[in-house]
Amino acid sequence: MDAKRESAMDLIFDSAVQNDSFAKKLRDLRLSRSPRLSQERVARQLGVTRATLANYESGRVSAPLWFACAAASYYGVGIGELAEIDDERIREECEHRIAKSAGRL
């Protein structure tokens, strides 16, 4: 990917993912793990505060796209399973970044 396109994608990754489905899925993924994961543990792993994660899970605050990709990677799911992203290029780039970061979280 050339530098100009990468810069544009970085700007897109600062955009937000917000819908009730994302918030519910984010919370459900955390609670479905055995043993259940605490918000504190997940927040620490994803580089946000517990309060920020709680706001994303409740839908009070829109999550940045970079966070949605990091969460998908952390939980081992595709971005399509976690967030509804209509733009195919963004979805593909997100999947690429998830694959590239696998094992680093």
C-alpha atoms as a PDB file:
ATOM      1  CA  MET A   1       0.000   0.000   0.000  1.00  0.00           C
ATOM      2  CA  ASP A   2       1.463   3.366  -0.912  1.00  0.00           C
ATOM      3  CA  ALA A   3       2.070   6.015   1.763  1.00  0.00           C
ATOM      4  CA  LYS A   4      -0.787   8.253   0.577  1.00  0.00           C
ATOM      5  CA  ARG A   5      -3.338   5.417   0.728  1.00  0.00           C
ATOM      6  CA  GLU A   6      -1.993   4.258   4.095  1.00  0.00           C
ATOM      7  CA  SER A   7      -2.368   7.789   5.448  1.00  0.00           C
ATOM      8  CA  ALA A   8      -5.969   7.922   4.201  1.00  0.00           C
ATOM      9  CA  MET A   9      -6.703   4.563   5.862  1.00  0.00           C
ATOM     10  CA  ASP A  10      -5.199   5.837   9.118  1.00  0.00           C
ATOM     11  CA  LEU A  11      -7.628   8.769   8.995  1.00  0.00           C
ATOM     12  CA  ILE A  12     -10.505   6.362   8.393  1.00  0.00           C
ATOM     13  CA  PHE A  13      -9.345   4.297  11.364  1.00  0.00           C
ATOM     14  CA  ASP A  14      -9.910   7.379  13.520  1.00  0.00           C
ATOM     15  CA  SER A  15     -13.594   7.308  12.529  1.00  0.00           C
ATOM     16  CA  ALA A  16     -16.108   5.737  14.866  1.00  0.00           C
ATOM     17  CA  VAL A  17     -18.134   2.541  14.926  1.00  0.00           C
ATOM     18  CA  GLN A  18     -21.479   3.083  16.572  1.00  0.00           C
ATOM     19  CA  ASN A  19     -24.512   0.966  16.605  1.00  0.00           C
ATOM     20  CA  ASP A  20     -26.378  -0.967  19.242  1.00  0.00           C
ATOM     21  CA  SER A  21     -25.357  -4.230  17.639  1.00  0.00           C
ATOM     22  CA  PHE A  22     -21.636  -3.443  18.018  1.00  0.00           C
ATOM     23  CA  ALA A  23     -22.029  -2.538  21.693  1.00  0.00           C
ATOM     24  CA  LYS A  24     -23.999  -5.710  22.440  1.00  0.00           C
ATOM     25  CA  LYS A  25     -21.613  -7.975  20.534  1.00  0.00           C
ATOM     26  CA  LEU A  26     -18.608  -6.389  22.243  1.00  0.00           C
ATOM     27  CA  ARG A  27     -20.102  -7.059  25.667  1.00  0.00           C
ATOM     28  CA  ASP A  28     -21.314 -10.549  24.734  1.00  0.00           C
ATOM     29  CA  LEU A  29     -17.864 -11.568  23.483  1.00  0.00           C
ATOM     30  CA  ARG A  30     -16.319 -10.571  26.798  1.00  0.00           C
ATOM     31  CA  LEU A  31     -18.967 -12.328  28.884  1.00  0.00           C
ATOM     32  CA  SER A  32     -19.016 -15.478  26.760  1.00  0.00           C
ATOM     33  CA  ARG A  33     -15.445 -16.389  27.653  1.00  0.00           C
ATOM     34  CA  SER A  34     -14.834 -18.994  30.307  1.00  0.00           C
ATOM     35  CA  PRO A  35     -13.786 -17.886  32.774  1.00  0.00           C
ATOM     36  CA  ARG A  36     -15.531 -14.577  32.226  1.00  0.00           C
ATOM     37  CA  LEU A  37     -13.206 -11.732  31.423  1.00  0.00           C
ATOM     38  CA  SER A  38     -13.386  -8.580  33.503  1.00  0.00           C
ATOM     39  CA  GLN A  39     -13.729  -5.202  31.867  1.00  0.00           C
ATOM     40  CA  GLU A  40     -10.498  -4.224  33.601  1.00  0.00           C
ATOM     41  CA  ARG A  41      -8.545  -7.094  32.013  1.00  0.00           C
ATOM     42  CA  VAL A  42      -9.938  -6.564  28.508  1.00  0.00           C
ATOM     43  CA  ALA A  43      -9.478  -2.795  28.709  1.00  0.00           C
ATOM     44  CA  ARG A  44      -5.842  -3.226  29.749  1.00  0.00           C
ATOM     45  CA  GLN A  45      -5.215  -5.652  26.854  1.00  0.00           C
ATOM     46  CA  LEU A  46      -6.834  -3.295  24.340  1.00  0.00           C
ATOM     47  CA  GLY A  47      -5.139  -0.123  25.596  1.00  0.00           C
ATOM     48  CA  VAL A  48      -8.149   1.753  26.965  1.00  0.00           C
ATOM     49  CA  THR A  49      -9.469   2.462  30.442  1.00  0.00           C
ATOM     50  CA  ARG A  50     -12.146   0.300  32.041  1.00  0.00           C
ATOM     51  CA  ALA A  51     -14.541   3.259  31.931  1.00  0.00           C
ATOM     52  CA  THR A  52     -13.922   3.702  28.196  1.00  0.00           C
ATOM     53  CA  LEU A  53     -14.605   0.019  27.544  1.00  0.00           C
ATOM     54  CA  ALA A  54     -17.774   0.238  29.640  1.00  0.00           C
ATOM     55  CA  ASN A  55     -18.911   3.201  27.535  1.00  0.00           C
ATOM     56  CA  TYR A  56     -18.258   1.278  24.299  1.00  0.00           C
ATOM     57  CA  GLU A  57     -20.088  -1.798  25.626  1.00  0.00           C
ATOM     58  CA  SER A  58     -23.102   0.249  26.679  1.00  0.00           C
ATOM     59  CA  GLY A  59     -23.222   2.229  23.442  1.00  0.00           C
ATOM     60  CA  ARG A  60     -22.915   5.542  25.292  1.00  0.00           C
ATOM     61  CA  VAL A  61     -19.759   6.365  23.334  1.00  0.00           C
ATOM     62  CA  SER A  62     -18.834   5.476  19.761  1.00  0.00           C
ATOM     63  CA  ALA A  63     -15.741   3.277  19.512  1.00  0.00           C
ATOM     64  CA  PRO A  64     -13.000   4.232  17.071  1.00  0.00           C
ATOM     65  CA  LEU A  65     -12.529   1.817  14.210  1.00  0.00           C
ATOM     66  CA  TRP A  66      -9.000   1.000  15.389  1.00  0.00           C
ATOM     67  CA  PHE A  67     -10.524  -0.237  18.649  1.00  0.00           C
ATOM     68  CA  ALA A  68     -13.091  -2.391  16.843  1.00  0.00           C
ATOM     69  CA  CYS A  69     -10.274  -4.011  14.866  1.00  0.00           C
ATOM     70  CA  ALA A  70      -8.182  -4.518  17.999  1.00  0.00           C
ATOM     71  CA  ALA A  71     -11.172  -6.059  19.810  1.00  0.00           C
ATOM     72  CA  ALA A  72     -11.905  -8.380  16.883  1.00  0.00           C
ATOM     73  CA  SER A  73      -8.286  -9.513  16.908  1.00  0.00           C
ATOM     74  CA  TYR A  74      -8.285  -9.970  20.693  1.00  0.00           C
ATOM     75  CA  TYR A  75     -11.419 -12.119  20.619  1.00  0.00           C
ATOM     76  CA  GLY A  76     -10.340 -13.993  17.493  1.00  0.00           C
ATOM     77  CA  VAL A  77     -13.313 -12.985  15.368  1.00  0.00           C
ATOM     78  CA  GLY A  78     -13.624 -11.240  12.025  1.00  0.00           C
ATOM     79  CA  ILE A  79     -14.459  -7.568  11.973  1.00  0.00           C
ATOM     80  CA  GLY A  80     -17.678  -8.426  10.138  1.00  0.00           C
ATOM     81  CA  GLU A  81     -18.828 -10.453  13.119  1.00  0.00           C
ATOM     82  CA  LEU A  82     -18.222  -7.564  15.502  1.00  0.00           C
ATOM     83  CA  ALA A  83     -18.999  -4.405  13.538  1.00  0.00           C
ATOM     84  CA  GLU A  84     -21.229  -3.625  10.594  1.00  0.00           C
ATOM     85  CA  ILE A  85     -18.908  -1.985   8.082  1.00  0.00           C
ATOM     86  CA  ASP A  86     -20.481  -1.278   4.714  1.00  0.00           C
ATOM     87  CA  ASP A  87     -17.348  -0.228   2.826  1.00  0.00           C
ATOM     88  CA  GLU A  88     -15.611  -3.346   1.475  1.00  0.00           C
ATOM     89  CA  ARG A  89     -12.200  -1.630   1.277  1.00  0.00           C
ATOM     90  CA  ILE A  90     -12.353  -0.634   4.934  1.00  0.00           C
ATOM     91  CA  ARG A  91     -13.498  -4.117   5.930  1.00  0.00           C
ATOM     92  CA  GLU A  92     -10.628  -5.687   3.946  1.00  0.00           C
ATOM     93  CA  GLU A  93      -8.060  -3.298   5.428  1.00  0.00           C
ATOM     94  CA  CYS A  94      -9.386  -3.997   8.897  1.00  0.00           C
ATOM     95  CA  GLU A  95      -9.111  -7.758   8.318  1.00  0.00           C
ATOM     96  CA  HIS A  96      -5.564  -7.215   7.027  1.00  0.00           C
ATOM     97  CA  ARG A  97      -4.627  -5.252  10.155  1.00  0.00           C
ATOM     98  CA  ILE A  98      -6.224  -7.912  12.364  1.00  0.00           C
ATOM     99  CA  ALA A  99      -4.219 -10.656  10.654  1.00  0.00           C
ATOM    100  CA  LYS A 100      -1.033  -8.572  10.874  1.00  0.00           C
ATOM    101  CA  SER A 101      -1.503  -7.925  14.587  1.00  0.00           C
ATOM    102  CA  ALA A 102      -2.463 -11.515  15.484  1.00  0.00           C
ATOM    103  CA  GLY A 103      -0.533 -12.602  18.502  1.00  0.00           C
ATOM    104  CA  ARG A 104       0.597  -9.114  19.501  1.00  0.00           C
ATOM    105  CA  LEU A 105      -2.308  -8.396  21.837  1.00  0.00           C
END
